[in-house]
All heavy atoms as atom14 arrays in JSON, in Angstrom:
{
  "sequence": "VSYDKATRIYPGSDTPAVDKLDLEIADGEFMVLVGPSGCGKSTSLRML",
  "atom14_mask": [
    [1, 1, 1, 1, 1, 1, 1, 0, 0, 0, 0, 0, 0, 0],
    [1, 1, 1, 1, 1, 1, 0, 0, 0, 0, 0, 0, 0, 0],
    [1, 1, 1, 1, 1, 1, 1, 1, 1, 1, 1, 1, 0, 0],
    [1, 1, 1, 1, 1, 1, 1, 1, 0, 0, 0, 0, 0, 0],
    [1, 1, 1, 1, 1, 1, 1, 1, 1, 0, 0, 0, 0, 0],
    [1, 1, 1, 1, 1, 0, 0, 0, 0, 0, 0, 0, 0, 0],
    [1, 1, 1, 1, 1, 1, 1, 0, 0, 0, 0, 0, 0, 0],
    [1, 1, 1, 1, 1, 1, 1, 1, 1, 1, 1, 0, 0, 0],
    [1, 1, 1, 1, 1, 1, 1, 1, 0, 0, 0, 0, 0, 0],
    [1, 1, 1, 1, 1, 1, 1, 1, 1, 1, 1, 1, 0, 0],
    [1, 1, 1, 1, 1, 1, 1, 0, 0, 0, 0, 0, 0, 0],
    [1, 1, 1, 1, 0, 0, 0, 0, 0, 0, 0, 0, 0, 0],
    [1, 1, 1, 1, 1, 1, 0, 0, 0, 0, 0, 0, 0, 0],
    [1, 1, 1, 1, 1, 1, 1, 1, 0, 0, 0, 0, 0, 0],
    [1, 1, 1, 1, 1, 1, 1, 0, 0, 0, 0, 0, 0, 0],
    [1, 1, 1, 1, 1, 1, 1, 0, 0, 0, 0, 0, 0, 0],
    [1, 1, 1, 1, 1, 0, 0, 0, 0, 0, 0, 0, 0, 0],
    [1, 1, 1, 1, 1, 1, 1, 0, 0, 0, 0, 0, 0, 0],
    [1, 1, 1, 1, 1, 1, 1, 1, 0, 0, 0, 0, 0, 0],
    [1, 1, 1, 1, 1, 1, 1, 1, 1, 0, 0, 0, 0, 0],
    [1, 1, 1, 1, 1, 1, 1, 1, 0, 0, 0, 0, 0, 0],
    [1, 1, 1, 1, 1, 1, 1, 1, 0, 0, 0, 0, 0, 0],
    [1, 1, 1, 1, 1, 1, 1, 1, 0, 0, 0, 0, 0, 0],
    [1, 1, 1, 1, 1, 1, 1, 1, 1, 0, 0, 0, 0, 0],
    [1, 1, 1, 1, 1, 1, 1, 1, 0, 0, 0, 0, 0, 0],
    [1, 1, 1, 1, 1, 0, 0, 0, 0, 0, 0, 0, 0, 0],
    [1, 1, 1, 1, 1, 1, 1, 1, 0, 0, 0, 0, 0, 0],
    [1, 1, 1, 1, 0, 0, 0, 0, 0, 0, 0, 0, 0, 0],
    [1, 1, 1, 1, 1, 1, 1, 1, 1, 0, 0, 0, 0, 0],
    [1, 1, 1, 1, 1, 1, 1, 1, 1, 1, 1, 0, 0, 0],
    [1, 1, 1, 1, 1, 1, 1, 1, 0, 0, 0, 0, 0, 0],
    [1, 1, 1, 1, 1, 1, 1, 0, 0, 0, 0, 0, 0, 0],
    [1, 1, 1, 1, 1, 1, 1, 1, 0, 0, 0, 0, 0, 0],
    [1, 1, 1, 1, 1, 1, 1, 0, 0, 0, 0, 0, 0, 0],
    [1, 1, 1, 1, 0, 0, 0, 0, 0, 0, 0, 0, 0, 0],
    [1, 1, 1, 1, 1, 1, 1, 0, 0, 0, 0, 0, 0, 0],
    [1, 1, 1, 1, 1, 1, 0, 0, 0, 0, 0, 0, 0, 0],
    [1, 1, 1, 1, 0, 0, 0, 0, 0, 0, 0, 0, 0, 0],
    [1, 1, 1, 1, 1, 1, 0, 0, 0, 0, 0, 0, 0, 0],
    [1, 1, 1, 1, 0, 0, 0, 0, 0, 0, 0, 0, 0, 0],
    [1, 1, 1, 1, 1, 1, 1, 1, 1, 0, 0, 0, 0, 0],
    [1, 1, 1, 1, 1, 1, 0, 0, 0, 0, 0, 0, 0, 0],
    [1, 1, 1, 1, 1, 1, 1, 0, 0, 0, 0, 0, 0, 0],
    [1, 1, 1, 1, 1, 1, 0, 0, 0, 0, 0, 0, 0, 0],
    [1, 1, 1, 1, 1, 1, 1, 1, 0, 0, 0, 0, 0, 0],
    [1, 1, 1, 1, 1, 1, 1, 1, 1, 1, 1, 0, 0, 0],
    [1, 1, 1, 1, 1, 1, 1, 1, 0, 0, 0, 0, 0, 0],
    [1, 1, 1, 1, 1, 1, 1, 1, 0, 0, 0, 0, 0, 0]
  ],
  "atom14_positions": [
    [[-52.33, 148.64, 24.94], [-52.67, 148.81, 23.54], [-53.71, 149.93, 23.43], [-54.67, 149.96, 24.23], [-53.27, 147.57, 22.87], [-53.8, 147.86, 21.46], [-52.23, 146.44, 22.8], [0.0, 0.0, 0.0], [0.0, 0.0, 0.0], [0.0, 0.0, 0.0], [0.0, 0.0, 0.0], [0.0, 0.0, 0.0], [0.0, 0.0, 0.0], [0.0, 0.0, 0.0]],
    [[-53.52, 150.9, 22.49], [-54.41, 152.02, 22.37], [-54.76, 152.19, 20.88], [-53.9, 152.31, 20.04], [-53.79, 153.3, 22.83], [-53.38, 153.19, 24.23], [0.0, 0.0, 0.0], [0.0, 0.0, 0.0], [0.0, 0.0, 0.0], [0.0, 0.0, 0.0], [0.0, 0.0, 0.0], [0.0, 0.0, 0.0], [0.0, 0.0, 0.0], [0.0, 0.0, 0.0]],
    [[-56.05, 152.29, 20.67], [-56.59, 152.73, 19.37], [-57.08, 154.15, 19.58], [-57.88, 154.47, 20.42], [-57.85, 151.85, 18.91], [-57.57, 150.46, 18.52], [-57.54, 149.43, 19.41], [-57.3, 150.12, 17.17], [-57.28, 148.12, 19.07], [-57.12, 148.82, 16.78], [-57.13, 147.8, 17.74], [-56.91, 146.49, 17.31], [0.0, 0.0, 0.0], [0.0, 0.0, 0.0]],
    [[-56.53, 155.09, 18.79], [-56.87, 156.48, 18.99], [-57.53, 156.96, 17.67], [-56.91, 157.33, 16.69], [-55.58, 157.32, 19.23], [-55.84, 158.76, 19.44], [-57.02, 159.19, 19.52], [-54.86, 159.56, 19.54], [0.0, 0.0, 0.0], [0.0, 0.0, 0.0], [0.0, 0.0, 0.0], [0.0, 0.0, 0.0], [0.0, 0.0, 0.0], [0.0, 0.0, 0.0]],
    [[-58.85, 156.93, 17.66], [-59.65, 157.31, 16.5], [-59.19, 156.65, 15.19], [-59.15, 157.23, 14.14], [-59.69, 158.83, 16.36], [-60.43, 159.56, 17.47], [-60.46, 161.01, 17.24], [-61.42, 161.7, 18.25], [-61.11, 161.34, 19.66], [0.0, 0.0, 0.0], [0.0, 0.0, 0.0], [0.0, 0.0, 0.0], [0.0, 0.0, 0.0], [0.0, 0.0, 0.0]],
    [[-58.8, 155.41, 15.34], [-58.22, 154.55, 14.25], [-59.32, 154.27, 13.26], [-60.42, 153.77, 13.57], [-57.63, 153.31, 14.73], [0.0, 0.0, 0.0], [0.0, 0.0, 0.0], [0.0, 0.0, 0.0], [0.0, 0.0, 0.0], [0.0, 0.0, 0.0], [0.0, 0.0, 0.0], [0.0, 0.0, 0.0], [0.0, 0.0, 0.0], [0.0, 0.0, 0.0]],
    [[-59.09, 154.59, 11.92], [-60.07, 154.42, 10.87], [-59.48, 153.69, 9.71], [-58.36, 153.93, 9.35], [-60.58, 155.82, 10.39], [-61.18, 156.5, 11.51], [-61.53, 155.67, 9.24], [0.0, 0.0, 0.0], [0.0, 0.0, 0.0], [0.0, 0.0, 0.0], [0.0, 0.0, 0.0], [0.0, 0.0, 0.0], [0.0, 0.0, 0.0], [0.0, 0.0, 0.0]],
    [[-60.25, 152.77, 9.15], [-59.79, 152.06, 7.91], [-60.93, 152.14, 6.9], [-62.07, 151.72, 7.14], [-59.5, 150.61, 8.24], [-59.18, 149.72, 7.06], [-58.06, 150.17, 6.2], [-57.69, 149.32, 5.15], [-57.12, 149.7, 4.01], [-56.88, 150.99, 3.71], [-56.8, 148.8, 3.09], [0.0, 0.0, 0.0], [0.0, 0.0, 0.0], [0.0, 0.0, 0.0]],
    [[-60.58, 152.73, 5.74], [-61.45, 152.8, 4.64], [-60.87, 152.04, 3.43], [-59.78, 152.44, 2.94], [-61.74, 154.26, 4.21], [-62.25, 155.05, 5.36], [-62.78, 154.34, 3.02], [-62.36, 156.56, 5.11], [0.0, 0.0, 0.0], [0.0, 0.0, 0.0], [0.0, 0.0, 0.0], [0.0, 0.0, 0.0], [0.0, 0.0, 0.0], [0.0, 0.0, 0.0]],
    [[-61.55, 150.99, 3.0], [-61.02, 150.13, 1.92], [-61.1, 150.93, 0.59], [-62.08, 151.69, 0.38], [-61.73, 148.85, 1.82], [-61.28, 147.86, 2.89], [-62.16, 147.53, 3.93], [-60.06, 147.3, 2.92], [-61.81, 146.65, 4.89], [-59.71, 146.39, 3.88], [-60.54, 146.12, 4.9], [-60.18, 145.17, 5.87], [0.0, 0.0, 0.0], [0.0, 0.0, 0.0]],
    [[-60.17, 150.76, -0.33], [-60.22, 151.43, -1.62], [-61.52, 151.07, -2.37], [-61.96, 149.89, -2.3], [-59.04, 150.81, -2.41], [-58.1, 150.44, -1.29], [-58.96, 149.99, -0.2], [0.0, 0.0, 0.0], [0.0, 0.0, 0.0], [0.0, 0.0, 0.0], [0.0, 0.0, 0.0], [0.0, 0.0, 0.0], [0.0, 0.0, 0.0], [0.0, 0.0, 0.0]],
    [[-62.14, 152.11, -2.9], [-63.45, 151.89, -3.65], [-64.63, 152.02, -2.78], [-65.75, 151.87, -3.24], [0.0, 0.0, 0.0], [0.0, 0.0, 0.0], [0.0, 0.0, 0.0], [0.0, 0.0, 0.0], [0.0, 0.0, 0.0], [0.0, 0.0, 0.0], [0.0, 0.0, 0.0], [0.0, 0.0, 0.0], [0.0, 0.0, 0.0], [0.0, 0.0, 0.0]],
    [[-64.46, 152.2, -1.45], [-65.55, 152.27, -0.51], [-65.66, 153.66, 0.09], [-64.65, 154.27, 0.43], [-65.47, 151.23, 0.57], [-66.48, 151.34, 1.52], [0.0, 0.0, 0.0], [0.0, 0.0, 0.0], [0.0, 0.0, 0.0], [0.0, 0.0, 0.0], [0.0, 0.0, 0.0], [0.0, 0.0, 0.0], [0.0, 0.0, 0.0], [0.0, 0.0, 0.0]],
    [[-66.89, 154.13, 0.27], [-67.05, 155.49, 0.95], [-67.31, 155.26, 2.43], [-67.18, 156.22, 3.22], [-68.22, 156.22, 0.38], [-68.0, 156.54, -1.13], [-66.82, 156.79, -1.43], [-68.97, 156.57, -1.86], [0.0, 0.0, 0.0], [0.0, 0.0, 0.0], [0.0, 0.0, 0.0], [0.0, 0.0, 0.0], [0.0, 0.0, 0.0], [0.0, 0.0, 0.0]],
    [[-67.72, 154.04, 2.84], [-68.0, 153.73, 4.25], [-66.8, 153.11, 4.95], [-66.3, 152.12, 4.44], [-69.22, 152.78, 4.31], [-70.29, 153.37, 3.52], [-69.65, 152.63, 5.7], [0.0, 0.0, 0.0], [0.0, 0.0, 0.0], [0.0, 0.0, 0.0], [0.0, 0.0, 0.0], [0.0, 0.0, 0.0], [0.0, 0.0, 0.0], [0.0, 0.0, 0.0]],
    [[-66.4, 153.62, 6.08], [-65.3, 153.05, 6.81], [-65.56, 151.62, 7.24], [-66.69, 151.35, 7.79], [-65.04, 154.0, 7.95], [-65.74, 155.26, 7.61], [-66.91, 154.84, 6.72], [0.0, 0.0, 0.0], [0.0, 0.0, 0.0], [0.0, 0.0, 0.0], [0.0, 0.0, 0.0], [0.0, 0.0, 0.0], [0.0, 0.0, 0.0], [0.0, 0.0, 0.0]],
    [[-64.66, 150.7, 7.11], [-64.78, 149.39, 7.73], [-64.6, 149.39, 9.23], [-65.3, 148.67, 10.0], [-63.75, 148.41, 7.08], [0.0, 0.0, 0.0], [0.0, 0.0, 0.0], [0.0, 0.0, 0.0], [0.0, 0.0, 0.0], [0.0, 0.0, 0.0], [0.0, 0.0, 0.0], [0.0, 0.0, 0.0], [0.0, 0.0, 0.0], [0.0, 0.0, 0.0]],
    [[-63.73, 150.35, 9.64], [-63.6, 150.72, 11.08], [-63.63, 152.24, 11.14], [-62.85, 152.83, 10.51], [-62.32, 150.14, 11.68], [-62.18, 150.63, 13.1], [-62.27, 148.63, 11.59], [0.0, 0.0, 0.0], [0.0, 0.0, 0.0], [0.0, 0.0, 0.0], [0.0, 0.0, 0.0], [0.0, 0.0, 0.0], [0.0, 0.0, 0.0], [0.0, 0.0, 0.0]],
    [[-64.5, 152.72, 12.04], [-64.77, 154.16, 12.0], [-64.4, 154.81, 13.35], [-65.07, 154.66, 14.36], [-66.26, 154.46, 11.72], [-66.53, 155.91, 11.4], [-65.56, 156.71, 11.37], [-67.69, 156.25, 11.23], [0.0, 0.0, 0.0], [0.0, 0.0, 0.0], [0.0, 0.0, 0.0], [0.0, 0.0, 0.0], [0.0, 0.0, 0.0], [0.0, 0.0, 0.0]],
    [[-63.26, 155.5, 13.38], [-62.84, 156.26, 14.52], [-62.86, 155.42, 15.82], [-63.45, 155.8, 16.85], [-63.65, 157.55, 14.74], [-63.47, 158.55, 13.57], [-64.28, 159.79, 13.83], [-64.02, 160.91, 12.83], [-64.31, 160.44, 11.43], [0.0, 0.0, 0.0], [0.0, 0.0, 0.0], [0.0, 0.0, 0.0], [0.0, 0.0, 0.0], [0.0, 0.0, 0.0]],
    [[-62.13, 154.31, 15.85], [-62.12, 153.38, 16.95], [-61.25, 153.95, 18.04], [-60.09, 154.18, 17.88], [-61.66, 152.02, 16.5], [-61.49, 150.94, 17.62], [-62.83, 150.69, 18.29], [-60.85, 149.67, 17.09], [0.0, 0.0, 0.0], [0.0, 0.0, 0.0], [0.0, 0.0, 0.0], [0.0, 0.0, 0.0], [0.0, 0.0, 0.0], [0.0, 0.0, 0.0]],
    [[-61.88, 154.18, 19.26], [-61.19, 154.61, 20.45], [-61.32, 153.45, 21.47], [-62.42, 153.2, 21.92], [-61.82, 155.84, 21.09], [-61.29, 157.14, 20.43], [-60.06, 157.17, 20.22], [-62.05, 158.07, 20.24], [0.0, 0.0, 0.0], [0.0, 0.0, 0.0], [0.0, 0.0, 0.0], [0.0, 0.0, 0.0], [0.0, 0.0, 0.0], [0.0, 0.0, 0.0]],
    [[-60.15, 152.88, 21.81], [-60.23, 151.72, 22.74], [-58.88, 151.68, 23.47], [-57.81, 151.62, 22.85], [-60.53, 150.43, 21.94], [-60.66, 149.12, 22.74], [-61.86, 149.25, 23.64], [-60.8, 147.97, 21.73], [0.0, 0.0, 0.0], [0.0, 0.0, 0.0], [0.0, 0.0, 0.0], [0.0, 0.0, 0.0], [0.0, 0.0, 0.0], [0.0, 0.0, 0.0]],
    [[-58.94, 151.57, 24.79], [-57.73, 151.4, 25.65], [-57.76, 149.99, 26.21], [-58.7, 149.66, 26.87], [-57.76, 152.44, 26.73], [-57.68, 153.88, 26.27], [-56.24, 154.25, 25.78], [-55.29, 153.59, 26.23], [-56.18, 155.16, 24.97], [0.0, 0.0, 0.0], [0.0, 0.0, 0.0], [0.0, 0.0, 0.0], [0.0, 0.0, 0.0], [0.0, 0.0, 0.0]],
    [[-56.71, 149.28, 26.02], [-56.57, 147.9, 26.53], [-55.45, 147.88, 27.53], [-54.26, 148.31, 27.2], [-56.32, 146.88, 25.4], [-57.44, 147.01, 24.35], [-56.14, 145.49, 25.91], [-57.17, 146.29, 23.07], [0.0, 0.0, 0.0], [0.0, 0.0, 0.0], [0.0, 0.0, 0.0], [0.0, 0.0, 0.0], [0.0, 0.0, 0.0], [0.0, 0.0, 0.0]],
    [[-55.7, 147.41, 28.74], [-54.72, 147.54, 29.86], [-53.65, 146.46, 29.68], [-53.82, 145.42, 28.96], [-55.39, 147.37, 31.16], [0.0, 0.0, 0.0], [0.0, 0.0, 0.0], [0.0, 0.0, 0.0], [0.0, 0.0, 0.0], [0.0, 0.0, 0.0], [0.0, 0.0, 0.0], [0.0, 0.0, 0.0], [0.0, 0.0, 0.0], [0.0, 0.0, 0.0]],
    [[-52.53, 146.63, 30.39], [-51.43, 145.71, 30.36], [-51.93, 144.4, 30.95], [-52.39, 144.39, 32.04], [-50.27, 146.3, 31.21], [-48.98, 145.45, 31.1], [-48.99, 144.48, 30.34], [-48.08, 145.79, 31.83], [0.0, 0.0, 0.0], [0.0, 0.0, 0.0], [0.0, 0.0, 0.0], [0.0, 0.0, 0.0], [0.0, 0.0, 0.0], [0.0, 0.0, 0.0]],
    [[-51.77, 143.28, 30.21], [-52.16, 141.98, 30.72], [-53.63, 141.62, 30.61], [-54.08, 140.58, 30.98], [0.0, 0.0, 0.0], [0.0, 0.0, 0.0], [0.0, 0.0, 0.0], [0.0, 0.0, 0.0], [0.0, 0.0, 0.0], [0.0, 0.0, 0.0], [0.0, 0.0, 0.0], [0.0, 0.0, 0.0], [0.0, 0.0, 0.0], [0.0, 0.0, 0.0]],
    [[-54.39, 142.56, 29.98], [-55.81, 142.4, 29.88], [-56.21, 141.4, 28.7], [-55.51, 141.4, 27.65], [-56.53, 143.71, 29.66], [-58.05, 143.63, 29.62], [-58.71, 145.01, 29.54], [-58.09, 145.95, 29.13], [-59.89, 145.07, 29.94], [0.0, 0.0, 0.0], [0.0, 0.0, 0.0], [0.0, 0.0, 0.0], [0.0, 0.0, 0.0], [0.0, 0.0, 0.0]],
    [[-57.29, 140.66, 28.82], [-57.83, 139.85, 27.79], [-59.06, 140.57, 27.25], [-60.11, 140.57, 27.85], [-58.24, 138.47, 28.32], [-58.48, 137.42, 27.31], [-57.76, 136.23, 27.3], [-59.36, 137.66, 26.24], [-57.98, 135.21, 26.35], [-59.58, 136.63, 25.31], [-58.88, 135.45, 25.3], [0.0, 0.0, 0.0], [0.0, 0.0, 0.0], [0.0, 0.0, 0.0]],
    [[-58.81, 141.24, 26.04], [-59.91, 142.02, 25.5], [-60.53, 141.2, 24.27], [-59.77, 140.74, 23.42], [-59.4, 143.36, 24.99], [-60.37, 144.2, 24.12], [-61.78, 144.77, 25.07], [-61.05, 146.11, 25.99], [0.0, 0.0, 0.0], [0.0, 0.0, 0.0], [0.0, 0.0, 0.0], [0.0, 0.0, 0.0], [0.0, 0.0, 0.0], [0.0, 0.0, 0.0]],
    [[-61.76, 141.07, 24.26], [-62.48, 140.43, 23.15], [-63.22, 141.42, 22.27], [-64.03, 142.23, 22.8], [-63.47, 139.33, 23.7], [-64.15, 138.67, 22.54], [-62.73, 138.29, 24.52], [0.0, 0.0, 0.0], [0.0, 0.0, 0.0], [0.0, 0.0, 0.0], [0.0, 0.0, 0.0], [0.0, 0.0, 0.0], [0.0, 0.0, 0.0], [0.0, 0.0, 0.0]],
    [[-62.99, 141.37, 20.98], [-63.8, 142.18, 20.01], [-64.82, 141.22, 19.47], [-64.49, 140.16, 18.91], [-62.85, 142.67, 18.93], [-61.61, 143.49, 19.27], [-60.89, 143.95, 18.05], [-61.94, 144.65, 20.19], [0.0, 0.0, 0.0], [0.0, 0.0, 0.0], [0.0, 0.0, 0.0], [0.0, 0.0, 0.0], [0.0, 0.0, 0.0], [0.0, 0.0, 0.0]],
    [[-66.1, 141.66, 19.61], [-67.17, 140.76, 19.13], [-68.2, 141.56, 18.32], [-68.35, 142.75, 18.51], [-67.85, 140.1, 20.38], [-68.56, 141.09, 21.17], [-68.75, 138.9, 19.92], [0.0, 0.0, 0.0], [0.0, 0.0, 0.0], [0.0, 0.0, 0.0], [0.0, 0.0, 0.0], [0.0, 0.0, 0.0], [0.0, 0.0, 0.0], [0.0, 0.0, 0.0]],
    [[-68.88, 140.84, 17.42], [-69.93, 141.48, 16.67], [-70.31, 140.56, 15.46], [-69.58, 139.57, 15.21], [0.0, 0.0, 0.0], [0.0, 0.0, 0.0], [0.0, 0.0, 0.0], [0.0, 0.0, 0.0], [0.0, 0.0, 0.0], [0.0, 0.0, 0.0], [0.0, 0.0, 0.0], [0.0, 0.0, 0.0], [0.0, 0.0, 0.0], [0.0, 0.0, 0.0]],
    [[-71.33, 140.92, 14.73], [-71.72, 140.1, 13.57], [-70.71, 140.2, 12.43], [-69.83, 141.07, 12.46], [-73.06, 140.72, 13.2], [-73.02, 142.05, 13.68], [-72.24, 142.08, 14.91], [0.0, 0.0, 0.0], [0.0, 0.0, 0.0], [0.0, 0.0, 0.0], [0.0, 0.0, 0.0], [0.0, 0.0, 0.0], [0.0, 0.0, 0.0], [0.0, 0.0, 0.0]],
    [[-70.86, 139.35, 11.46], [-69.93, 139.39, 10.3], [-69.98, 140.8, 9.6], [-70.99, 141.33, 9.5], [-70.42, 138.34, 9.27], [-70.24, 137.06, 9.78], [0.0, 0.0, 0.0], [0.0, 0.0, 0.0], [0.0, 0.0, 0.0], [0.0, 0.0, 0.0], [0.0, 0.0, 0.0], [0.0, 0.0, 0.0], [0.0, 0.0, 0.0], [0.0, 0.0, 0.0]],
    [[-68.83, 141.28, 9.27], [-68.78, 142.58, 8.61], [-68.78, 143.77, 9.55], [-68.88, 144.89, 9.08], [0.0, 0.0, 0.0], [0.0, 0.0, 0.0], [0.0, 0.0, 0.0], [0.0, 0.0, 0.0], [0.0, 0.0, 0.0], [0.0, 0.0, 0.0], [0.0, 0.0, 0.0], [0.0, 0.0, 0.0], [0.0, 0.0, 0.0], [0.0, 0.0, 0.0]],
    [[-68.67, 143.52, 10.87], [-68.74, 144.65, 11.81], [-67.42, 145.37, 11.98], [-67.33, 146.47, 12.59], [-69.21, 144.18, 13.16], [-68.03, 143.18, 14.08], [0.0, 0.0, 0.0], [0.0, 0.0, 0.0], [0.0, 0.0, 0.0], [0.0, 0.0, 0.0], [0.0, 0.0, 0.0], [0.0, 0.0, 0.0], [0.0, 0.0, 0.0], [0.0, 0.0, 0.0]],
    [[-66.29, 144.77, 11.47], [-64.96, 145.5, 11.61], [-64.04, 144.95, 12.61], [-62.96, 145.41, 12.81], [0.0, 0.0, 0.0], [0.0, 0.0, 0.0], [0.0, 0.0, 0.0], [0.0, 0.0, 0.0], [0.0, 0.0, 0.0], [0.0, 0.0, 0.0], [0.0, 0.0, 0.0], [0.0, 0.0, 0.0], [0.0, 0.0, 0.0], [0.0, 0.0, 0.0]],
    [[-64.47, 143.87, 13.24], [-63.58, 143.28, 14.34], [-62.25, 142.72, 13.83], [-61.24, 143.04, 14.42], [-64.41, 142.28, 15.18], [-64.97, 141.08, 14.39], [-65.82, 140.26, 15.24], [-66.39, 139.04, 14.43], [-67.25, 139.42, 13.34], [0.0, 0.0, 0.0], [0.0, 0.0, 0.0], [0.0, 0.0, 0.0], [0.0, 0.0, 0.0], [0.0, 0.0, 0.0]],
    [[-62.3, 142.0, 12.75], [-61.05, 141.42, 12.25], [-60.21, 142.55, 11.61], [-58.94, 142.5, 11.66], [-61.35, 140.27, 11.13], [-61.81, 139.12, 11.74], [0.0, 0.0, 0.0], [0.0, 0.0, 0.0], [0.0, 0.0, 0.0], [0.0, 0.0, 0.0], [0.0, 0.0, 0.0], [0.0, 0.0, 0.0], [0.0, 0.0, 0.0], [0.0, 0.0, 0.0]],
    [[-60.87, 143.5, 10.99], [-60.11, 144.62, 10.41], [-59.38, 145.36, 11.52], [-58.19, 145.75, 11.42], [-61.08, 145.5, 9.64], [-61.66, 144.83, 8.61], [-60.32, 146.74, 9.09], [0.0, 0.0, 0.0], [0.0, 0.0, 0.0], [0.0, 0.0, 0.0], [0.0, 0.0, 0.0], [0.0, 0.0, 0.0], [0.0, 0.0, 0.0], [0.0, 0.0, 0.0]],
    [[-60.06, 145.57, 12.7], [-59.44, 146.23, 13.81], [-58.22, 145.49, 14.34], [-57.12, 146.12, 14.61], [-60.45, 146.38, 14.97], [-61.59, 147.06, 14.61], [0.0, 0.0, 0.0], [0.0, 0.0, 0.0], [0.0, 0.0, 0.0], [0.0, 0.0, 0.0], [0.0, 0.0, 0.0], [0.0, 0.0, 0.0], [0.0, 0.0, 0.0], [0.0, 0.0, 0.0]],
    [[-58.3, 144.17, 14.35], [-57.18, 143.38, 14.77], [-56.02, 143.44, 13.77], [-54.84, 143.61, 14.16], [-57.61, 141.89, 14.91], [-56.67, 140.91, 15.63], [-56.69, 141.18, 17.14], [-56.95, 139.5, 15.28], [0.0, 0.0, 0.0], [0.0, 0.0, 0.0], [0.0, 0.0, 0.0], [0.0, 0.0, 0.0], [0.0, 0.0, 0.0], [0.0, 0.0, 0.0]],
    [[-56.38, 143.41, 12.53], [-55.35, 143.52, 11.43], [-54.66, 144.87, 11.38], [-53.5, 144.97, 11.05], [-55.96, 143.09, 10.11], [-56.32, 141.6, 10.02], [-57.14, 141.35, 8.76], [-56.38, 141.55, 7.52], [-55.52, 140.62, 7.05], [-55.36, 139.45, 7.6], [-54.84, 140.9, 5.94], [0.0, 0.0, 0.0], [0.0, 0.0, 0.0], [0.0, 0.0, 0.0]],
    [[-55.38, 145.88, 11.79], [-54.82, 147.25, 11.9], [-53.71, 147.25, 12.98], [-52.69, 147.8, 12.85], [-55.9, 148.27, 12.2], [-56.82, 148.5, 11.02], [-58.37, 149.33, 11.51], [-57.85, 151.03, 11.94], [0.0, 0.0, 0.0], [0.0, 0.0, 0.0], [0.0, 0.0, 0.0], [0.0, 0.0, 0.0], [0.0, 0.0, 0.0], [0.0, 0.0, 0.0]],
    [[-54.06, 146.56, 14.15], [-53.09, 146.45, 15.26], [-51.9, 145.65, 14.77], [-50.72, 145.96, 15.19], [-53.78, 145.85, 16.43], [-52.96, 145.64, 17.63], [-52.28, 146.93, 18.17], [-53.79, 145.07, 18.81], [0.0, 0.0, 0.0], [0.0, 0.0, 0.0], [0.0, 0.0, 0.0], [0.0, 0.0, 0.0], [0.0, 0.0, 0.0], [0.0, 0.0, 0.0]]
  ]
}
């Protein structure tokens, strides 16, 4: 799985919910996205 500068800006917002995410996930890897509420982790998953 590859995120290549993936960005999500919600309508009505000037600040990206996910800002230029670059992340390479290997075949068979267990990758965990972690952070406080509102950090963009669930949005990143939903983009995928």
